[in-house]
PDB file of all heavy atoms in Angstrom:
ATOM      1  N   LEU A   1       1.919   2.657  31.296  1.00  0.00           N
ATOM      2  CA  LEU A   1       2.710   1.714  30.504  1.00  0.00           C
ATOM      3  C   LEU A   1       3.954   2.352  29.902  1.00  0.00           C
ATOM      4  O   LEU A   1       4.818   1.649  29.403  1.00  0.00           O
ATOM      5  CB  LEU A   1       1.853   1.136  29.367  1.00  0.00           C
ATOM      6  CG  LEU A   1       0.642   0.309  29.784  1.00  0.00           C
ATOM      7  CD1 LEU A   1      -0.180  -0.054  28.567  1.00  0.00           C
ATOM      8  CD2 LEU A   1       1.093  -0.928  30.528  1.00  0.00           C
ATOM      9  N   ALA A   2       4.012   3.681  29.942  1.00  0.00           N
ATOM     10  CA  ALA A   2       5.105   4.436  29.313  1.00  0.00           C
ATOM     11  C   ALA A   2       5.207   4.082  27.840  1.00  0.00           C
ATOM     12  O   ALA A   2       6.292   3.995  27.266  1.00  0.00           O
ATOM     13  CB  ALA A   2       6.421   4.205  30.035  1.00  0.00           C
ATOM     14  N   ALA A   3       4.049   3.872  27.227  1.00  0.00           N
ATOM     15  CA  ALA A   3       4.016   3.508  25.818  1.00  0.00           C
ATOM     16  C   ALA A   3       4.165   4.757  24.963  1.00  0.00           C
ATOM     17  O   ALA A   3       3.633   5.811  25.279  1.00  0.00           O
ATOM     18  CB  ALA A   3       2.697   2.814  25.484  1.00  0.00           C
ATOM     19  N   GLY A   4       4.883   4.632  23.916  1.00  0.00           N
ATOM     20  CA  GLY A   4       5.056   5.743  22.985  1.00  0.00           C
ATOM     21  C   GLY A   4       5.982   6.829  23.489  1.00  0.00           C
ATOM     22  O   GLY A   4       5.877   7.976  23.082  1.00  0.00           O
ATOM     23  N   VAL A   5       6.884   6.487  24.401  1.00  0.00           N
ATOM     24  CA  VAL A   5       7.805   7.485  24.937  1.00  0.00           C
ATOM     25  C   VAL A   5       8.802   7.907  23.865  1.00  0.00           C
ATOM     26  O   VAL A   5       9.084   9.091  23.704  1.00  0.00           O
ATOM     27  CB  VAL A   5       8.531   6.951  26.189  1.00  0.00           C
ATOM     28  CG1 VAL A   5       9.588   7.923  26.670  1.00  0.00           C
ATOM     29  CG2 VAL A   5       7.532   6.671  27.288  1.00  0.00           C
ATOM     30  N   THR A   6       9.287   6.950  23.136  1.00  0.00           N
ATOM     31  CA  THR A   6      10.195   7.275  22.041  1.00  0.00           C
ATOM     32  C   THR A   6       9.433   7.155  20.734  1.00  0.00           C
ATOM     33  O   THR A   6       8.661   6.225  20.518  1.00  0.00           O
ATOM     34  CB  THR A   6      11.399   6.310  22.018  1.00  0.00           C
ATOM     35  OG1 THR A   6      10.931   4.976  21.890  1.00  0.00           O
ATOM     36  CG2 THR A   6      12.223   6.458  23.279  1.00  0.00           C
ATOM     37  N   ALA A   7       9.614   8.117  19.891  1.00  0.00           N
ATOM     38  CA  ALA A   7       8.900   8.133  18.616  1.00  0.00           C
ATOM     39  C   ALA A   7       9.550   7.172  17.631  1.00  0.00           C
ATOM     40  O   ALA A   7      10.767   7.108  17.506  1.00  0.00           O
ATOM     41  CB  ALA A   7       8.909   9.544  18.045  1.00  0.00           C
ATOM     42  N   ASP A   8       8.705   6.410  16.968  1.00  0.00           N
ATOM     43  CA  ASP A   8       9.188   5.535  15.911  1.00  0.00           C
ATOM     44  C   ASP A   8       9.320   6.368  14.637  1.00  0.00           C
ATOM     45  O   ASP A   8       9.196   7.581  14.644  1.00  0.00           O
ATOM     46  CB  ASP A   8       8.216   4.373  15.687  1.00  0.00           C
ATOM     47  CG  ASP A   8       8.139   3.458  16.905  1.00  0.00           C
ATOM     48  OD1 ASP A   8       9.134   3.411  17.650  1.00  0.00           O
ATOM     49  OD2 ASP A   8       7.084   2.826  17.100  1.00  0.00           O
ATOM     50  N   THR A   9       9.552   5.690  13.544  1.00  0.00           N
ATOM     51  CA  THR A   9       9.620   6.414  12.279  1.00  0.00           C
ATOM     52  C   THR A   9       8.248   6.890  11.846  1.00  0.00           C
ATOM     53  O   THR A   9       8.124   7.893  11.166  1.00  0.00           O
ATOM     54  CB  THR A   9      10.219   5.516  11.177  1.00  0.00           C
ATOM     55  OG1 THR A   9       9.459   4.313  11.084  1.00  0.00           O
ATOM     56  CG2 THR A   9      11.657   5.190  11.490  1.00  0.00           C
ATOM     57  N   VAL A  10       7.196   6.170  12.265  1.00  0.00           N
ATOM     58  CA  VAL A  10       5.827   6.566  11.960  1.00  0.00           C
ATOM     59  C   VAL A  10       5.208   7.135  13.227  1.00  0.00           C
ATOM     60  O   VAL A  10       5.202   6.484  14.264  1.00  0.00           O
ATOM     61  CB  VAL A  10       4.997   5.353  11.468  1.00  0.00           C
ATOM     62  CG1 VAL A  10       3.574   5.763  11.209  1.00  0.00           C
ATOM     63  CG2 VAL A  10       5.635   4.757  10.229  1.00  0.00           C
ATOM     64  N   ILE A  11       4.717   8.370  13.147  1.00  0.00           N
ATOM     65  CA  ILE A  11       4.101   9.012  14.305  1.00  0.00           C
ATOM     66  C   ILE A  11       2.590   8.908  14.164  1.00  0.00           C
ATOM     67  O   ILE A  11       2.014   9.362  13.177  1.00  0.00           O
ATOM     68  CB  ILE A  11       4.543  10.480  14.419  1.00  0.00           C
ATOM     69  CG1 ILE A  11       6.051  10.541  14.633  1.00  0.00           C
ATOM     70  CG2 ILE A  11       3.805  11.166  15.553  1.00  0.00           C
ATOM     71  CD1 ILE A  11       6.607  11.944  14.629  1.00  0.00           C
ATOM     72  N   ASP A  12       1.963   8.287  15.145  1.00  0.00           N
ATOM     73  CA  ASP A  12       0.519   8.120  15.162  1.00  0.00           C
ATOM     74  C   ASP A  12      -0.078   9.295  15.933  1.00  0.00           C
ATOM     75  O   ASP A  12      -0.007   9.337  17.157  1.00  0.00           O
ATOM     76  CB  ASP A  12       0.160   6.786  15.827  1.00  0.00           C
ATOM     77  CG  ASP A  12      -1.322   6.486  15.744  1.00  0.00           C
ATOM     78  OD1 ASP A  12      -2.016   7.158  14.964  1.00  0.00           O
ATOM     79  OD2 ASP A  12      -1.764   5.573  16.452  1.00  0.00           O
ATOM     80  N   LEU A  13      -0.644  10.274  15.219  1.00  0.00           N
ATOM     81  CA  LEU A  13      -1.160  11.469  15.875  1.00  0.00           C
ATOM     82  C   LEU A  13      -2.405  11.197  16.699  1.00  0.00           C
ATOM     83  O   LEU A  13      -2.633  11.831  17.715  1.00  0.00           O
ATOM     84  CB  LEU A  13      -1.443  12.560  14.831  1.00  0.00           C
ATOM     85  CG  LEU A  13      -0.220  13.100  14.099  1.00  0.00           C
ATOM     86  CD1 LEU A  13      -0.644  14.108  13.047  1.00  0.00           C
ATOM     87  CD2 LEU A  13       0.741  13.736  15.080  1.00  0.00           C
ATOM     88  N   VAL A  14      -3.220  10.264  16.273  1.00  0.00           N
ATOM     89  CA  VAL A  14      -4.454   9.984  16.998  1.00  0.00           C
ATOM     90  C   VAL A  14      -4.176   9.028  18.149  1.00  0.00           C
ATOM     91  O   VAL A  14      -4.578   9.257  19.272  1.00  0.00           O
ATOM     92  CB  VAL A  14      -5.528   9.432  16.038  1.00  0.00           C
ATOM     93  CG1 VAL A  14      -6.787   9.103  16.778  1.00  0.00           C
ATOM     94  CG2 VAL A  14      -5.809  10.436  14.941  1.00  0.00           C
ATOM     95  N   GLY A  15      -3.476   7.955  17.889  1.00  0.00           N
ATOM     96  CA  GLY A  15      -3.022   7.047  18.924  1.00  0.00           C
ATOM     97  C   GLY A  15      -4.113   6.340  19.686  1.00  0.00           C
ATOM     98  O   GLY A  15      -5.186   6.051  19.173  1.00  0.00           O
ATOM     99  N   ALA A  16      -3.819   6.050  20.958  1.00  0.00           N
ATOM    100  CA  ALA A  16      -4.724   5.275  21.800  1.00  0.00           C
ATOM    101  C   ALA A  16      -6.026   6.010  22.058  1.00  0.00           C
ATOM    102  O   ALA A  16      -7.081   5.397  22.147  1.00  0.00           O
ATOM    103  CB  ALA A  16      -4.034   4.941  23.117  1.00  0.00           C
ATOM    104  N   ILE A  17      -5.963   7.321  22.177  1.00  0.00           N
ATOM    105  CA  ILE A  17      -7.188   8.101  22.401  1.00  0.00           C
ATOM    106  C   ILE A  17      -8.091   7.990  21.184  1.00  0.00           C
ATOM    107  O   ILE A  17      -9.296   7.827  21.303  1.00  0.00           O
ATOM    108  CB  ILE A  17      -6.857   9.571  22.709  1.00  0.00           C
ATOM    109  CG1 ILE A  17      -6.038   9.669  23.991  1.00  0.00           C
ATOM    110  CG2 ILE A  17      -8.118  10.396  22.839  1.00  0.00           C
ATOM    111  CD1 ILE A  17      -5.492  11.033  24.263  1.00  0.00           C
ATOM    112  N   GLY A  18      -7.486   8.052  20.008  1.00  0.00           N
ATOM    113  CA  GLY A  18      -8.257   7.977  18.772  1.00  0.00           C
ATOM    114  C   GLY A  18      -8.919   6.625  18.555  1.00  0.00           C
ATOM    115  O   GLY A  18      -9.900   6.528  17.828  1.00  0.00           O
ATOM    116  N   ARG A  19      -8.387   5.591  19.178  1.00  0.00           N
ATOM    117  CA  ARG A  19      -9.021   4.278  19.089  1.00  0.00           C
ATOM    118  C   ARG A  19     -10.025   4.063  20.215  1.00  0.00           C
ATOM    119  O   ARG A  19     -11.066   3.443  20.036  1.00  0.00           O
ATOM    120  CB  ARG A  19      -7.958   3.176  19.112  1.00  0.00           C
ATOM    121  CG  ARG A  19      -7.119   3.111  17.838  1.00  0.00           C
ATOM    122  CD  ARG A  19      -6.149   1.946  17.870  1.00  0.00           C
ATOM    123  NE  ARG A  19      -5.129   2.067  18.922  1.00  0.00           N
ATOM    124  CZ  ARG A  19      -3.997   2.767  18.804  1.00  0.00           C
ATOM    125  NH1 ARG A  19      -3.740   3.399  17.680  1.00  0.00           N
ATOM    126  NH2 ARG A  19      -3.130   2.816  19.788  1.00  0.00           N
ATOM    127  N   SER A  20      -9.748   4.593  21.393  1.00  0.00           N
ATOM    128  CA  SER A  20     -10.581   4.356  22.557  1.00  0.00           C
ATOM    129  C   SER A  20     -11.865   5.181  22.547  1.00  0.00           C
ATOM    130  O   SER A  20     -12.932   4.674  22.874  1.00  0.00           O
ATOM    131  CB  SER A  20      -9.780   4.663  23.824  1.00  0.00           C
ATOM    132  OG  SER A  20     -10.572   4.512  24.960  1.00  0.00           O
ATOM    133  N   VAL A  21     -11.769   6.450  22.188  1.00  0.00           N
ATOM    134  CA  VAL A  21     -12.937   7.335  22.239  1.00  0.00           C
ATOM    135  C   VAL A  21     -14.022   6.912  21.254  1.00  0.00           C
ATOM    136  O   VAL A  21     -15.182   6.776  21.653  1.00  0.00           O
ATOM    137  CB  VAL A  21     -12.514   8.810  22.039  1.00  0.00           C
ATOM    138  CG1 VAL A  21     -13.711   9.710  21.836  1.00  0.00           C
ATOM    139  CG2 VAL A  21     -11.709   9.290  23.231  1.00  0.00           C
ATOM    140  N   PRO A  22     -13.725   6.670  19.969  1.00  0.00           N
ATOM    141  CA  PRO A  22     -14.805   6.240  19.068  1.00  0.00           C
ATOM    142  C   PRO A  22     -15.388   4.877  19.436  1.00  0.00           C
ATOM    143  O   PRO A  22     -16.537   4.579  19.120  1.00  0.00           O
ATOM    144  CB  PRO A  22     -14.137   6.175  17.696  1.00  0.00           C
ATOM    145  CG  PRO A  22     -12.962   7.057  17.797  1.00  0.00           C
ATOM    146  CD  PRO A  22     -12.504   6.948  19.216  1.00  0.00           C
ATOM    147  N   ALA A  23     -14.622   4.041  20.100  1.00  0.00           N
ATOM    148  CA  ALA A  23     -15.140   2.734  20.503  1.00  0.00           C
ATOM    149  C   ALA A  23     -16.127   2.842  21.655  1.00  0.00           C
ATOM    150  O   ALA A  23     -16.933   1.939  21.868  1.00  0.00           O
ATOM    151  CB  ALA A  23     -13.983   1.822  20.906  1.00  0.00           C
ATOM    152  N   GLN A  24     -16.084   3.959  22.399  1.00  0.00           N
ATOM    153  CA  GLN A  24     -16.948   4.131  23.567  1.00  0.00           C
ATOM    154  C   GLN A  24     -17.738   5.439  23.482  1.00  0.00           C
ATOM    155  O   GLN A  24     -17.800   6.201  24.447  1.00  0.00           O
ATOM    156  CB  GLN A  24     -16.115   4.124  24.842  1.00  0.00           C
ATOM    157  CG  GLN A  24     -15.306   2.871  25.043  1.00  0.00           C
ATOM    158  CD  GLN A  24     -14.397   2.983  26.248  1.00  0.00           C
ATOM    159  OE1 GLN A  24     -14.694   3.693  27.195  1.00  0.00           O
ATOM    160  NE2 GLN A  24     -13.287   2.276  26.219  1.00  0.00           N
TER     161      GLN A  24
END
């Protein structure tokens, strides 16, 4: 998806992995 290629003002260090891994 090329998501998160450019950093916003808020950097999410955990991101998609941090949401996906605990859910599974």
